Every structure is written in structure tokens, then in C-alpha cells.
Amino acid sequence: MLRVVDLAVERGERLILHGVSLSVQSGERLAIHGPSGCGKTTLLHAIAGLLPVHRGAIHVDDVDVTHVPAHRRGVGLVFQDNQLFPHFNVADNVSYALRVRGVSKRERNRVADEWLSRVGLDDFAHRETSDLSGGEAKRVALARTLAGTPRVVLLDEPLTGLDPLLHEQLLADLRNLFDHLGTTVVHVTHDRAEGSALCHRSIDLQSPPDSIP
């Protein structure tokens, strides 16, 4: 479960988010829509612990994680541009969170193989990230996030830039995977049809006022 209460995020004198509150139940998928510049990505980064908050609180499974470091929040983020590590192969990308936790190489490889299979990339473990297509890179980014066993998954427009056929294929695969896992998801997208196809419900994020109250 995810709960955001009266969240405000600022950069200098500019208010990026103001008074944002939302609640996502365990296993629920929420789509967030809104115009460019309204703070959708900023909201995800704040929930993930990548940005400090000016005011408000973030709770994961009824625990206040507002000031908890990102790696201890139990929140996973799939970036719009994937942000795969170019100096790691596919398996090492997928198992990165386990490496940080000190998990053995053998176990990391097992988990990487398992998640690559779940996202339809069997036998991709030793591929270099530079050899991946756009769709394959997005699947690797998703596997990397899920391999860390997050309690909440944040998706920042993960299907942007794909051709229509691949977009629909990956959308269906995501829906089936999350249905099977029962994952709690917050999905940011400009595409309302995509949000409706993947998520149980949606909300609109409004642009904040010009100045800090």
C-alpha cells in the first residue's frame, strides 16, 4: 500500500508539486495523467526517495518513509529512458539491487535468469545493453526493478517511443505480469487509453501555483 499526504516539492523558488495526496491499495494499479510540467515525474522521484520533499509525508505499508533513503524504501522505479548501466551486461543489470545487498553471485545469476524469463528474455543474460532493441531494453529495465522485490513499483512512461505493435504487446505483457504478481503500481502516462488498459483507476495531476504558499 502507498499513501502520499499533502506532498510539496520545490526547487529554489519554484514549486514543482503542491498539496498532492493519493492512496493506492495493495495490488492496485493507479494511472496518473496530467499536462507536461505538472510534476508527474517529480512525484515518482519523490516517492522513490530521489528528491527531498518540502512538506508532506509518504507511507509504504503504513510506514513513514518520507526521510528514509531510497534503497531502504521498498519502492522500485522504471525510468522513461531505462537508465541501464552500460558497463554491466543484462544479467548484472537485472541483479544490481541484489549485488548492493551483498547477495552471492550464484544467487544473483539465478534471480536474473528467473526475471529475464518472466519478461520474455530467456538467454539474454550475457547480452550487452548496447545490443538491445528499444523493447528489449525496456523489458530489462522492468526486470531490474522487479528483481529487487519492491513493495511498490513506479512506472515513468515506460512505453514511450515504441512502435504501435510493440507498444500493445508490451502493454499486454505488463498487465498479465502485474496481474500474476499482484503488484502495487503507480503508472505515469500521457496516453489515457494506455492507462485504462493497464490500471484499475486513474487520477489527474494539476500544475502547482506559481509561488510557494
N, C-alpha and C. Protein backbone atom coordinates (compact mmCIF):
# COMPACT_ATOMS: atom_id res chain seq x y z
N MET A 1 0.84 -1.19 0.00
CA MET A 1 0.00 0.00 0.00
C MET A 1 0.87 1.25 0.00
N LEU A 2 0.43 2.25 -0.76
CA LEU A 2 1.14 3.53 -0.84
C LEU A 2 0.19 4.65 -0.46
N ARG A 3 0.68 5.57 0.39
CA ARG A 3 -0.13 6.73 0.75
C ARG A 3 0.76 7.97 0.73
N VAL A 4 0.33 8.97 -0.03
CA VAL A 4 1.03 10.26 -0.11
C VAL A 4 0.10 11.32 0.47
N VAL A 5 0.62 12.12 1.40
CA VAL A 5 -0.22 13.08 2.12
C VAL A 5 0.34 14.49 1.97
N ASP A 6 -0.42 15.37 1.31
CA ASP A 6 -0.13 16.80 1.23
C ASP A 6 1.32 17.07 0.82
N LEU A 7 1.76 16.40 -0.23
CA LEU A 7 3.16 16.46 -0.63
C LEU A 7 3.46 17.74 -1.39
N ALA A 8 4.58 18.37 -1.04
CA ALA A 8 5.07 19.54 -1.76
C ALA A 8 6.56 19.36 -2.03
N VAL A 9 6.96 19.67 -3.25
CA VAL A 9 8.37 19.58 -3.65
C VAL A 9 8.72 20.88 -4.35
N GLU A 10 9.84 21.47 -3.98
CA GLU A 10 10.28 22.74 -4.57
C GLU A 10 11.70 22.63 -5.06
N ARG A 11 12.03 23.48 -6.02
CA ARG A 11 13.41 23.64 -6.49
C ARG A 11 13.68 25.14 -6.51
N GLY A 12 14.52 25.58 -5.58
CA GLY A 12 14.74 27.01 -5.45
C GLY A 12 13.45 27.68 -5.03
N GLU A 13 13.03 28.68 -5.80
CA GLU A 13 11.78 29.38 -5.52
C GLU A 13 10.63 28.82 -6.34
N ARG A 14 10.89 27.75 -7.08
CA ARG A 14 9.85 27.18 -7.94
C ARG A 14 9.20 25.99 -7.26
N LEU A 15 7.88 26.01 -7.21
CA LEU A 15 7.13 24.92 -6.61
C LEU A 15 6.77 23.91 -7.70
N ILE A 16 7.27 22.69 -7.57
CA ILE A 16 7.02 21.66 -8.59
C ILE A 16 5.76 20.87 -8.25
N LEU A 17 5.57 20.56 -6.98
CA LEU A 17 4.36 19.87 -6.50
C LEU A 17 3.82 20.63 -5.30
N HIS A 18 2.51 20.65 -5.18
CA HIS A 18 1.89 21.33 -4.04
C HIS A 18 0.61 20.61 -3.62
N GLY A 19 0.56 20.17 -2.37
CA GLY A 19 -0.66 19.59 -1.83
C GLY A 19 -1.13 18.32 -2.51
N VAL A 20 -0.20 17.48 -2.94
CA VAL A 20 -0.57 16.24 -3.63
C VAL A 20 -0.84 15.14 -2.60
N SER A 21 -2.01 14.55 -2.68
CA SER A 21 -2.36 13.42 -1.83
C SER A 21 -2.95 12.31 -2.68
N LEU A 22 -2.58 11.09 -2.40
CA LEU A 22 -3.15 9.95 -3.11
C LEU A 22 -2.95 8.70 -2.26
N SER A 23 -3.75 7.69 -2.56
CA SER A 23 -3.66 6.41 -1.86
C SER A 23 -3.85 5.29 -2.87
N VAL A 24 -2.97 4.31 -2.80
CA VAL A 24 -3.03 3.15 -3.69
C VAL A 24 -3.02 1.90 -2.81
N GLN A 25 -4.05 1.09 -2.93
CA GLN A 25 -4.16 -0.10 -2.11
C GLN A 25 -3.20 -1.19 -2.59
N SER A 26 -2.90 -2.13 -1.73
CA SER A 26 -2.03 -3.25 -2.09
C SER A 26 -2.61 -4.00 -3.29
N GLY A 27 -1.80 -4.18 -4.31
CA GLY A 27 -2.23 -4.88 -5.51
C GLY A 27 -2.98 -4.02 -6.50
N GLU A 28 -3.22 -2.76 -6.16
CA GLU A 28 -3.93 -1.86 -7.07
C GLU A 28 -2.95 -1.18 -8.01
N ARG A 29 -3.43 -0.82 -9.20
CA ARG A 29 -2.62 -0.10 -10.17
C ARG A 29 -3.31 1.24 -10.48
N LEU A 30 -2.58 2.32 -10.28
CA LEU A 30 -3.10 3.67 -10.45
C LEU A 30 -2.36 4.36 -11.59
N ALA A 31 -3.11 4.93 -12.54
CA ALA A 31 -2.53 5.72 -13.61
C ALA A 31 -2.61 7.20 -13.24
N ILE A 32 -1.55 7.93 -13.50
CA ILE A 32 -1.52 9.37 -13.26
C ILE A 32 -1.35 10.08 -14.59
N HIS A 33 -2.30 10.96 -14.89
CA HIS A 33 -2.25 11.76 -16.11
C HIS A 33 -2.05 13.22 -15.73
N GLY A 34 -1.73 14.03 -16.72
CA GLY A 34 -1.58 15.46 -16.49
C GLY A 34 -0.72 16.08 -17.57
N PRO A 35 -0.80 17.40 -17.73
CA PRO A 35 -0.02 18.08 -18.77
C PRO A 35 1.47 18.06 -18.47
N SER A 36 2.27 18.27 -19.50
CA SER A 36 3.71 18.35 -19.32
C SER A 36 4.03 19.47 -18.34
N GLY A 37 4.95 19.20 -17.43
CA GLY A 37 5.36 20.21 -16.47
C GLY A 37 4.53 20.26 -15.20
N CYS A 38 3.55 19.36 -15.07
CA CYS A 38 2.70 19.39 -13.87
C CYS A 38 3.33 18.65 -12.69
N GLY A 39 4.45 17.95 -12.93
CA GLY A 39 5.17 17.32 -11.83
C GLY A 39 4.99 15.83 -11.70
N LYS A 40 4.54 15.16 -12.76
CA LYS A 40 4.31 13.71 -12.68
C LYS A 40 5.60 12.95 -12.36
N THR A 41 6.65 13.22 -13.12
CA THR A 41 7.92 12.55 -12.87
C THR A 41 8.50 12.95 -11.53
N THR A 42 8.36 14.21 -11.17
CA THR A 42 8.83 14.68 -9.86
C THR A 42 8.15 13.91 -8.74
N LEU A 43 6.85 13.66 -8.89
CA LEU A 43 6.12 12.90 -7.88
C LEU A 43 6.70 11.50 -7.73
N LEU A 44 6.96 10.83 -8.83
CA LEU A 44 7.55 9.48 -8.76
C LEU A 44 8.92 9.52 -8.09
N HIS A 45 9.73 10.51 -8.46
CA HIS A 45 11.07 10.60 -7.89
C HIS A 45 11.02 10.89 -6.39
N ALA A 46 10.05 11.68 -5.96
CA ALA A 46 9.90 11.95 -4.53
C ALA A 46 9.47 10.69 -3.79
N ILE A 47 8.52 9.95 -4.36
CA ILE A 47 8.08 8.70 -3.73
C ILE A 47 9.23 7.70 -3.64
N ALA A 48 10.05 7.66 -4.68
CA ALA A 48 11.18 6.73 -4.71
C ALA A 48 12.34 7.15 -3.81
N GLY A 49 12.31 8.39 -3.34
CA GLY A 49 13.39 8.88 -2.47
C GLY A 49 14.53 9.52 -3.21
N LEU A 50 14.32 9.87 -4.48
CA LEU A 50 15.37 10.50 -5.28
C LEU A 50 15.35 12.02 -5.16
N LEU A 51 14.28 12.57 -4.59
CA LEU A 51 14.16 14.02 -4.37
C LEU A 51 13.67 14.27 -2.96
N PRO A 52 14.20 15.30 -2.29
CA PRO A 52 13.68 15.66 -0.97
C PRO A 52 12.33 16.36 -1.09
N VAL A 53 11.51 16.28 -0.06
CA VAL A 53 10.20 16.93 -0.08
C VAL A 53 10.23 18.17 0.81
N HIS A 54 9.47 19.17 0.38
CA HIS A 54 9.36 20.43 1.13
C HIS A 54 8.36 20.27 2.27
N ARG A 55 7.31 19.52 2.03
CA ARG A 55 6.27 19.30 3.04
C ARG A 55 5.50 18.05 2.68
N GLY A 56 4.89 17.43 3.70
CA GLY A 56 4.06 16.26 3.47
C GLY A 56 4.73 14.97 3.89
N ALA A 57 4.07 13.86 3.58
CA ALA A 57 4.56 12.55 4.02
C ALA A 57 4.28 11.48 2.98
N ILE A 58 5.13 10.46 3.00
CA ILE A 58 5.00 9.31 2.11
C ILE A 58 5.02 8.06 2.98
N HIS A 59 3.99 7.22 2.84
CA HIS A 59 3.89 6.00 3.63
C HIS A 59 3.84 4.79 2.70
N VAL A 60 4.61 3.77 3.02
CA VAL A 60 4.57 2.50 2.30
C VAL A 60 4.22 1.42 3.32
N ASP A 61 3.10 0.74 3.09
CA ASP A 61 2.62 -0.27 4.04
C ASP A 61 2.55 0.29 5.47
N ASP A 62 1.98 1.50 5.56
CA ASP A 62 1.75 2.18 6.85
C ASP A 62 3.03 2.57 7.58
N VAL A 63 4.16 2.55 6.91
CA VAL A 63 5.42 3.02 7.49
C VAL A 63 5.80 4.34 6.82
N ASP A 64 6.10 5.36 7.61
CA ASP A 64 6.51 6.66 7.09
C ASP A 64 7.93 6.55 6.54
N VAL A 65 8.06 6.69 5.21
CA VAL A 65 9.37 6.58 4.58
C VAL A 65 9.84 7.92 4.01
N THR A 66 9.19 8.99 4.42
CA THR A 66 9.47 10.32 3.86
C THR A 66 10.96 10.65 3.87
N HIS A 67 11.65 10.28 4.95
CA HIS A 67 13.07 10.62 5.08
C HIS A 67 13.95 9.36 5.11
N VAL A 68 13.41 8.26 4.64
CA VAL A 68 14.16 7.01 4.56
C VAL A 68 14.95 7.00 3.24
N PRO A 69 16.22 6.57 3.24
CA PRO A 69 16.99 6.51 1.99
C PRO A 69 16.29 5.65 0.93
N ALA A 70 16.52 6.00 -0.32
CA ALA A 70 15.83 5.35 -1.44
C ALA A 70 15.98 3.83 -1.41
N HIS A 71 17.17 3.33 -1.11
CA HIS A 71 17.42 1.89 -1.19
C HIS A 71 16.76 1.11 -0.06
N ARG A 72 16.18 1.82 0.91
CA ARG A 72 15.52 1.13 2.03
C ARG A 72 14.01 1.34 2.03
N ARG A 73 13.45 1.92 0.98
CA ARG A 73 12.02 2.24 0.97
C ARG A 73 11.13 1.10 0.49
N GLY A 74 11.70 0.15 -0.23
CA GLY A 74 10.87 -0.89 -0.82
C GLY A 74 10.08 -0.39 -2.01
N VAL A 75 10.64 0.61 -2.69
CA VAL A 75 9.99 1.21 -3.86
C VAL A 75 10.92 1.06 -5.06
N GLY A 76 10.37 0.57 -6.18
CA GLY A 76 11.15 0.43 -7.40
C GLY A 76 10.65 1.37 -8.48
N LEU A 77 11.57 1.96 -9.23
CA LEU A 77 11.22 2.92 -10.28
C LEU A 77 11.77 2.46 -11.62
N VAL A 78 10.88 2.39 -12.62
CA VAL A 78 11.30 2.14 -14.00
C VAL A 78 11.32 3.48 -14.72
N PHE A 79 12.51 3.93 -15.10
CA PHE A 79 12.67 5.24 -15.72
C PHE A 79 12.18 5.23 -17.16
N GLN A 80 11.77 6.40 -17.62
CA GLN A 80 11.30 6.52 -19.00
C GLN A 80 12.39 6.14 -20.00
N ASP A 81 13.64 6.52 -19.69
CA ASP A 81 14.75 6.23 -20.61
C ASP A 81 15.56 5.01 -20.16
N ASN A 82 14.95 4.18 -19.34
CA ASN A 82 15.51 2.89 -18.89
C ASN A 82 16.68 3.03 -17.92
N GLN A 83 17.67 3.85 -18.27
CA GLN A 83 18.86 4.07 -17.44
C GLN A 83 19.55 2.76 -17.06
N LEU A 84 19.77 1.92 -18.06
CA LEU A 84 20.55 0.70 -17.84
C LEU A 84 22.03 1.07 -17.69
N PHE A 85 22.75 0.26 -16.93
CA PHE A 85 24.17 0.52 -16.72
C PHE A 85 24.97 -0.03 -17.91
N PRO A 86 25.60 0.83 -18.70
CA PRO A 86 26.26 0.36 -19.92
C PRO A 86 27.47 -0.52 -19.67
N HIS A 87 28.08 -0.43 -18.47
CA HIS A 87 29.27 -1.23 -18.18
C HIS A 87 28.92 -2.60 -17.61
N PHE A 88 27.61 -2.89 -17.44
CA PHE A 88 27.15 -4.20 -17.00
C PHE A 88 26.43 -4.90 -18.14
N ASN A 89 26.51 -6.24 -18.16
CA ASN A 89 25.70 -6.97 -19.12
C ASN A 89 24.27 -7.04 -18.59
N VAL A 90 23.40 -7.71 -19.33
CA VAL A 90 21.98 -7.74 -18.97
C VAL A 90 21.77 -8.37 -17.60
N ALA A 91 22.40 -9.51 -17.34
CA ALA A 91 22.21 -10.19 -16.06
C ALA A 91 22.64 -9.32 -14.89
N ASP A 92 23.78 -8.64 -15.05
CA ASP A 92 24.28 -7.80 -13.96
C ASP A 92 23.40 -6.57 -13.76
N ASN A 93 22.79 -6.07 -14.82
CA ASN A 93 21.81 -5.01 -14.67
C ASN A 93 20.62 -5.48 -13.86
N VAL A 94 20.08 -6.63 -14.22
CA VAL A 94 18.88 -7.13 -13.56
C VAL A 94 19.14 -7.41 -12.09
N SER A 95 20.32 -7.91 -11.77
CA SER A 95 20.61 -8.31 -10.39
C SER A 95 21.31 -7.23 -9.58
N TYR A 96 21.31 -6.00 -10.06
CA TYR A 96 22.08 -4.94 -9.41
C TYR A 96 21.66 -4.73 -7.95
N ALA A 97 20.36 -4.69 -7.69
CA ALA A 97 19.89 -4.46 -6.30
C ALA A 97 20.39 -5.56 -5.38
N LEU A 98 20.45 -6.79 -5.88
CA LEU A 98 20.94 -7.90 -5.06
C LEU A 98 22.45 -7.78 -4.81
N ARG A 99 23.16 -7.26 -5.79
CA ARG A 99 24.60 -7.04 -5.61
C ARG A 99 24.84 -6.02 -4.51
N VAL A 100 24.05 -4.96 -4.49
CA VAL A 100 24.18 -3.94 -3.45
C VAL A 100 23.92 -4.53 -2.07
N ARG A 101 23.01 -5.51 -2.01
CA ARG A 101 22.68 -6.15 -0.72
C ARG A 101 23.69 -7.22 -0.31
N GLY A 102 24.67 -7.50 -1.16
CA GLY A 102 25.68 -8.48 -0.81
C GLY A 102 25.29 -9.91 -1.10
N VAL A 103 24.30 -10.12 -1.96
CA VAL A 103 23.86 -11.47 -2.32
C VAL A 103 24.94 -12.14 -3.18
N SER A 104 25.09 -13.44 -3.02
CA SER A 104 26.14 -14.17 -3.75
C SER A 104 25.92 -14.11 -5.26
N LYS A 105 27.02 -14.24 -6.00
CA LYS A 105 26.96 -14.20 -7.46
C LYS A 105 26.05 -15.31 -8.00
N ARG A 106 26.15 -16.49 -7.42
CA ARG A 106 25.32 -17.61 -7.88
C ARG A 106 23.84 -17.30 -7.73
N GLU A 107 23.46 -16.74 -6.59
CA GLU A 107 22.06 -16.42 -6.36
C GLU A 107 21.63 -15.26 -7.26
N ARG A 108 22.51 -14.30 -7.46
CA ARG A 108 22.18 -13.18 -8.36
C ARG A 108 21.90 -13.68 -9.77
N ASN A 109 22.70 -14.59 -10.23
CA ASN A 109 22.51 -15.13 -11.57
C ASN A 109 21.19 -15.90 -11.67
N ARG A 110 20.86 -16.65 -10.60
CA ARG A 110 19.60 -17.40 -10.60
C ARG A 110 18.41 -16.45 -10.69
N VAL A 111 18.45 -15.39 -9.88
CA VAL A 111 17.34 -14.43 -9.87
C VAL A 111 17.26 -13.70 -11.22
N ALA A 112 18.40 -13.34 -11.77
CA ALA A 112 18.41 -12.67 -13.07
C ALA A 112 17.78 -13.55 -14.14
N ASP A 113 18.15 -14.82 -14.18
CA ASP A 113 17.58 -15.74 -15.16
C ASP A 113 16.07 -15.87 -14.98
N GLU A 114 15.63 -15.91 -13.72
CA GLU A 114 14.21 -16.05 -13.44
C GLU A 114 13.43 -14.84 -13.96
N TRP A 115 13.93 -13.65 -13.69
CA TRP A 115 13.19 -12.45 -14.10
C TRP A 115 13.30 -12.20 -15.60
N LEU A 116 14.41 -12.54 -16.19
CA LEU A 116 14.52 -12.40 -17.64
C LEU A 116 13.53 -13.34 -18.32
N SER A 117 13.34 -14.52 -17.77
CA SER A 117 12.35 -15.44 -18.32
C SER A 117 10.94 -14.86 -18.18
N ARG A 118 10.66 -14.23 -17.03
CA ARG A 118 9.33 -13.68 -16.80
C ARG A 118 8.99 -12.54 -17.75
N VAL A 119 10.01 -11.80 -18.20
CA VAL A 119 9.73 -10.70 -19.13
C VAL A 119 10.00 -11.11 -20.58
N GLY A 120 10.16 -12.42 -20.81
CA GLY A 120 10.28 -12.91 -22.18
C GLY A 120 11.65 -12.75 -22.79
N LEU A 121 12.70 -12.73 -21.96
CA LEU A 121 14.06 -12.56 -22.49
C LEU A 121 14.97 -13.71 -22.06
N ASP A 122 14.51 -14.92 -22.24
CA ASP A 122 15.36 -16.09 -21.98
C ASP A 122 16.62 -16.01 -22.83
N ASP A 123 17.73 -16.44 -22.26
CA ASP A 123 19.02 -16.49 -22.96
C ASP A 123 19.59 -15.11 -23.28
N PHE A 124 19.13 -14.07 -22.58
CA PHE A 124 19.65 -12.72 -22.79
C PHE A 124 20.67 -12.32 -21.71
N ALA A 125 20.94 -13.20 -20.76
CA ALA A 125 21.72 -12.83 -19.59
C ALA A 125 23.08 -12.23 -19.94
N HIS A 126 23.75 -12.76 -20.96
CA HIS A 126 25.11 -12.32 -21.26
C HIS A 126 25.16 -11.27 -22.37
N ARG A 127 24.02 -10.81 -22.80
CA ARG A 127 23.99 -9.75 -23.82
C ARG A 127 24.52 -8.44 -23.23
N GLU A 128 25.13 -7.63 -24.09
CA GLU A 128 25.49 -6.27 -23.71
C GLU A 128 24.29 -5.36 -23.92
N THR A 129 24.16 -4.37 -23.07
CA THR A 129 23.00 -3.49 -23.19
C THR A 129 22.98 -2.73 -24.52
N SER A 130 24.16 -2.51 -25.10
CA SER A 130 24.23 -1.80 -26.39
C SER A 130 23.66 -2.62 -27.53
N ASP A 131 23.48 -3.92 -27.32
CA ASP A 131 22.95 -4.80 -28.36
C ASP A 131 21.44 -4.99 -28.28
N LEU A 132 20.79 -4.32 -27.33
CA LEU A 132 19.36 -4.49 -27.12
C LEU A 132 18.54 -3.54 -28.00
N SER A 133 17.39 -4.02 -28.45
CA SER A 133 16.44 -3.14 -29.13
C SER A 133 15.74 -2.29 -28.07
N GLY A 134 14.94 -1.33 -28.52
CA GLY A 134 14.23 -0.48 -27.58
C GLY A 134 13.29 -1.26 -26.68
N GLY A 135 12.56 -2.19 -27.26
CA GLY A 135 11.64 -3.00 -26.48
C GLY A 135 12.36 -3.92 -25.52
N GLU A 136 13.48 -4.49 -25.95
CA GLU A 136 14.25 -5.37 -25.08
C GLU A 136 14.83 -4.60 -23.90
N ALA A 137 15.32 -3.39 -24.16
CA ALA A 137 15.87 -2.57 -23.08
C ALA A 137 14.81 -2.24 -22.04
N LYS A 138 13.59 -1.98 -22.49
CA LYS A 138 12.52 -1.68 -21.54
C LYS A 138 12.18 -2.91 -20.69
N ARG A 139 12.23 -4.08 -21.29
CA ARG A 139 11.97 -5.31 -20.53
C ARG A 139 13.08 -5.55 -19.49
N VAL A 140 14.31 -5.26 -19.87
CA VAL A 140 15.42 -5.42 -18.92
C VAL A 140 15.26 -4.44 -17.76
N ALA A 141 14.89 -3.20 -18.07
CA ALA A 141 14.68 -2.20 -17.02
C ALA A 141 13.57 -2.64 -16.05
N LEU A 142 12.52 -3.21 -16.59
CA LEU A 142 11.43 -3.71 -15.75
C LEU A 142 11.91 -4.88 -14.89
N ALA A 143 12.64 -5.82 -15.49
CA ALA A 143 13.16 -6.97 -14.74
C ALA A 143 14.09 -6.51 -13.63
N ARG A 144 14.92 -5.51 -13.90
CA ARG A 144 15.84 -4.99 -12.88
C ARG A 144 15.07 -4.44 -11.67
N THR A 145 13.99 -3.72 -11.96
CA THR A 145 13.18 -3.16 -10.87
C THR A 145 12.50 -4.27 -10.07
N LEU A 146 11.89 -5.21 -10.75
CA LEU A 146 11.12 -6.26 -10.06
C LEU A 146 12.02 -7.24 -9.33
N ALA A 147 13.23 -7.44 -9.81
CA ALA A 147 14.15 -8.37 -9.14
C ALA A 147 14.53 -7.89 -7.74
N GLY A 148 14.37 -6.60 -7.49
CA GLY A 148 14.64 -6.06 -6.18
C GLY A 148 13.50 -6.26 -5.20
N THR A 149 12.44 -6.95 -5.62
CA THR A 149 11.25 -7.25 -4.81
C THR A 149 10.67 -6.02 -4.12
N PRO A 150 10.38 -4.97 -4.88
CA PRO A 150 9.80 -3.77 -4.27
C PRO A 150 8.35 -4.00 -3.85
N ARG A 151 7.92 -3.28 -2.84
CA ARG A 151 6.52 -3.34 -2.42
C ARG A 151 5.64 -2.47 -3.30
N VAL A 152 6.25 -1.45 -3.89
CA VAL A 152 5.54 -0.56 -4.81
C VAL A 152 6.41 -0.36 -6.04
N VAL A 153 5.81 -0.45 -7.24
CA VAL A 153 6.53 -0.22 -8.49
C VAL A 153 6.01 1.06 -9.13
N LEU A 154 6.93 1.95 -9.50
CA LEU A 154 6.61 3.21 -10.16
C LEU A 154 7.06 3.12 -11.61
N LEU A 155 6.17 3.44 -12.53
CA LEU A 155 6.46 3.39 -13.96
C LEU A 155 6.37 4.79 -14.54
N ASP A 156 7.49 5.31 -15.04
CA ASP A 156 7.52 6.65 -15.62
C ASP A 156 7.49 6.55 -17.14
N GLU A 157 6.27 6.50 -17.69
CA GLU A 157 6.07 6.41 -19.14
C GLU A 157 6.99 5.36 -19.78
N PRO A 158 6.94 4.13 -19.31
CA PRO A 158 7.90 3.13 -19.77
C PRO A 158 7.69 2.66 -21.21
N LEU A 159 6.56 2.98 -21.81
CA LEU A 159 6.28 2.51 -23.18
C LEU A 159 6.42 3.61 -24.22
N THR A 160 6.93 4.76 -23.81
CA THR A 160 7.11 5.88 -24.73
C THR A 160 8.13 5.53 -25.81
N GLY A 161 7.82 5.92 -27.05
CA GLY A 161 8.77 5.77 -28.15
C GLY A 161 8.73 4.45 -28.87
N LEU A 162 7.82 3.56 -28.49
CA LEU A 162 7.71 2.26 -29.17
C LEU A 162 6.74 2.35 -30.34
N ASP A 163 6.97 1.53 -31.35
CA ASP A 163 6.01 1.50 -32.45
C ASP A 163 4.71 0.88 -31.95
N PRO A 164 3.58 1.15 -32.62
CA PRO A 164 2.28 0.75 -32.10
C PRO A 164 2.15 -0.75 -31.80
N LEU A 165 2.68 -1.60 -32.65
CA LEU A 165 2.56 -3.04 -32.44
C LEU A 165 3.31 -3.47 -31.18
N LEU A 166 4.54 -3.01 -31.02
CA LEU A 166 5.34 -3.36 -29.86
C LEU A 166 4.74 -2.75 -28.59
N HIS A 167 4.21 -1.55 -28.72
CA HIS A 167 3.57 -0.89 -27.58
C HIS A 167 2.43 -1.74 -27.04
N GLU A 168 1.57 -2.23 -27.93
CA GLU A 168 0.43 -3.03 -27.50
C GLU A 168 0.88 -4.38 -26.92
N GLN A 169 1.92 -4.94 -27.49
CA GLN A 169 2.43 -6.22 -27.00
C GLN A 169 2.99 -6.07 -25.58
N LEU A 170 3.82 -5.04 -25.38
CA LEU A 170 4.40 -4.83 -24.06
C LEU A 170 3.35 -4.43 -23.03
N LEU A 171 2.35 -3.67 -23.46
CA LEU A 171 1.27 -3.28 -22.56
C LEU A 171 0.52 -4.51 -22.06
N ALA A 172 0.22 -5.43 -22.96
CA ALA A 172 -0.47 -6.66 -22.57
C ALA A 172 0.41 -7.51 -21.66
N ASP A 173 1.71 -7.56 -21.97
CA ASP A 173 2.63 -8.33 -21.13
C ASP A 173 2.72 -7.75 -19.73
N LEU A 174 2.76 -6.42 -19.63
CA LEU A 174 2.81 -5.77 -18.32
C LEU A 174 1.56 -6.09 -17.50
N ARG A 175 0.42 -5.97 -18.15
CA ARG A 175 -0.85 -6.23 -17.46
C ARG A 175 -0.89 -7.66 -16.95
N ASN A 176 -0.50 -8.61 -17.78
CA ASN A 176 -0.52 -10.01 -17.37
C ASN A 176 0.46 -10.28 -16.23
N LEU A 177 1.65 -9.68 -16.32
CA LEU A 177 2.67 -9.88 -15.29
C LEU A 177 2.20 -9.30 -13.95
N PHE A 178 1.68 -8.09 -13.97
CA PHE A 178 1.24 -7.47 -12.72
C PHE A 178 0.00 -8.17 -12.15
N ASP A 179 -0.86 -8.67 -13.02
CA ASP A 179 -2.00 -9.46 -12.53
C ASP A 179 -1.50 -10.69 -11.78
N HIS A 180 -0.49 -11.33 -12.33
CA HIS A 180 0.05 -12.55 -11.73
C HIS A 180 0.77 -12.25 -10.41
N LEU A 181 1.50 -11.15 -10.37
CA LEU A 181 2.30 -10.82 -9.19
C LEU A 181 1.50 -10.12 -8.11
N GLY A 182 0.38 -9.50 -8.48
CA GLY A 182 -0.38 -8.71 -7.52
C GLY A 182 0.36 -7.47 -7.09
N THR A 183 1.10 -6.86 -8.01
CA THR A 183 1.97 -5.74 -7.69
C THR A 183 1.19 -4.44 -7.51
N THR A 184 1.60 -3.64 -6.55
CA THR A 184 1.07 -2.27 -6.37
C THR A 184 1.85 -1.36 -7.31
N VAL A 185 1.13 -0.66 -8.19
CA VAL A 185 1.78 0.08 -9.28
C VAL A 185 1.23 1.51 -9.36
N VAL A 186 2.14 2.45 -9.59
CA VAL A 186 1.76 3.82 -9.98
C VAL A 186 2.38 4.06 -11.35
N HIS A 187 1.52 4.35 -12.32
CA HIS A 187 1.93 4.42 -13.73
C HIS A 187 1.67 5.82 -14.27
N VAL A 188 2.72 6.55 -14.62
CA VAL A 188 2.60 7.87 -15.21
C VAL A 188 2.58 7.72 -16.73
N THR A 189 1.59 8.34 -17.38
CA THR A 189 1.48 8.27 -18.83
C THR A 189 0.66 9.42 -19.37
N HIS A 190 1.01 9.86 -20.59
CA HIS A 190 0.19 10.85 -21.30
C HIS A 190 -0.96 10.16 -22.04
N ASP A 191 -0.84 8.85 -22.22
CA ASP A 191 -1.79 8.07 -23.03
C ASP A 191 -2.90 7.53 -22.13
N ARG A 192 -4.08 8.14 -22.20
CA ARG A 192 -5.17 7.72 -21.33
C ARG A 192 -5.66 6.31 -21.66
N ALA A 193 -5.62 5.94 -22.93
CA ALA A 193 -6.02 4.58 -23.29
C ALA A 193 -5.05 3.56 -22.69
N GLU A 194 -3.76 3.89 -22.69
CA GLU A 194 -2.76 3.02 -22.08
C GLU A 194 -3.02 2.89 -20.59
N GLY A 195 -3.29 4.02 -19.93
CA GLY A 195 -3.58 3.99 -18.50
C GLY A 195 -4.79 3.14 -18.17
N SER A 196 -5.83 3.27 -18.99
CA SER A 196 -7.05 2.49 -18.76
C SER A 196 -6.82 1.01 -18.98
N ALA A 197 -5.98 0.67 -19.96
CA ALA A 197 -5.71 -0.73 -20.27
C ALA A 197 -4.88 -1.41 -19.18
N LEU A 198 -3.99 -0.65 -18.54
CA LEU A 198 -3.08 -1.25 -17.56
C LEU A 198 -3.59 -1.14 -16.13
N CYS A 199 -4.28 -0.05 -15.81
CA CYS A 199 -4.56 0.27 -14.41
C CYS A 199 -6.03 0.13 -14.05
N HIS A 200 -6.27 0.01 -12.76
CA HIS A 200 -7.64 -0.12 -12.25
C HIS A 200 -8.38 1.22 -12.22
N ARG A 201 -7.63 2.31 -11.99
CA ARG A 201 -8.24 3.63 -11.99
C ARG A 201 -7.18 4.67 -12.31
N SER A 202 -7.62 5.91 -12.50
CA SER A 202 -6.68 6.97 -12.86
C SER A 202 -7.04 8.26 -12.14
N ILE A 203 -6.04 9.15 -12.01
CA ILE A 203 -6.25 10.49 -11.48
C ILE A 203 -5.51 11.47 -12.37
N ASP A 204 -5.89 12.74 -12.27
CA ASP A 204 -5.21 13.81 -13.00
C ASP A 204 -4.43 14.66 -12.02
N LEU A 205 -3.17 14.93 -12.35
CA LEU A 205 -2.31 15.77 -11.54
C LEU A 205 -2.36 17.17 -12.11
N GLN A 206 -2.65 18.16 -11.25
CA GLN A 206 -2.75 19.54 -11.69
C GLN A 206 -1.43 20.26 -11.49
N SER A 207 -1.20 21.28 -12.30
CA SER A 207 0.00 22.10 -12.14
C SER A 207 -0.08 22.89 -10.85
N PRO A 208 1.05 23.07 -10.15
CA PRO A 208 1.05 23.79 -8.88
C PRO A 208 0.96 25.30 -9.11
N PRO A 209 0.66 26.07 -8.04
CA PRO A 209 0.67 27.53 -8.17
C PRO A 209 2.08 28.03 -8.47
N ASP A 210 2.18 29.30 -8.88
CA ASP A 210 3.48 29.84 -9.31
C ASP A 210 4.43 30.11 -8.14
N SER A 211 3.90 30.28 -6.94
CA SER A 211 4.76 30.62 -5.82
C SER A 211 4.49 29.69 -4.64
N ILE A 212 5.40 29.64 -3.70
CA ILE A 212 5.29 28.79 -2.54
C ILE A 212 4.39 29.46 -1.51
N PRO A 213 3.31 28.78 -1.07
CA PRO A 213 2.41 29.39 -0.10
C PRO A 213 3.14 29.66 1.22
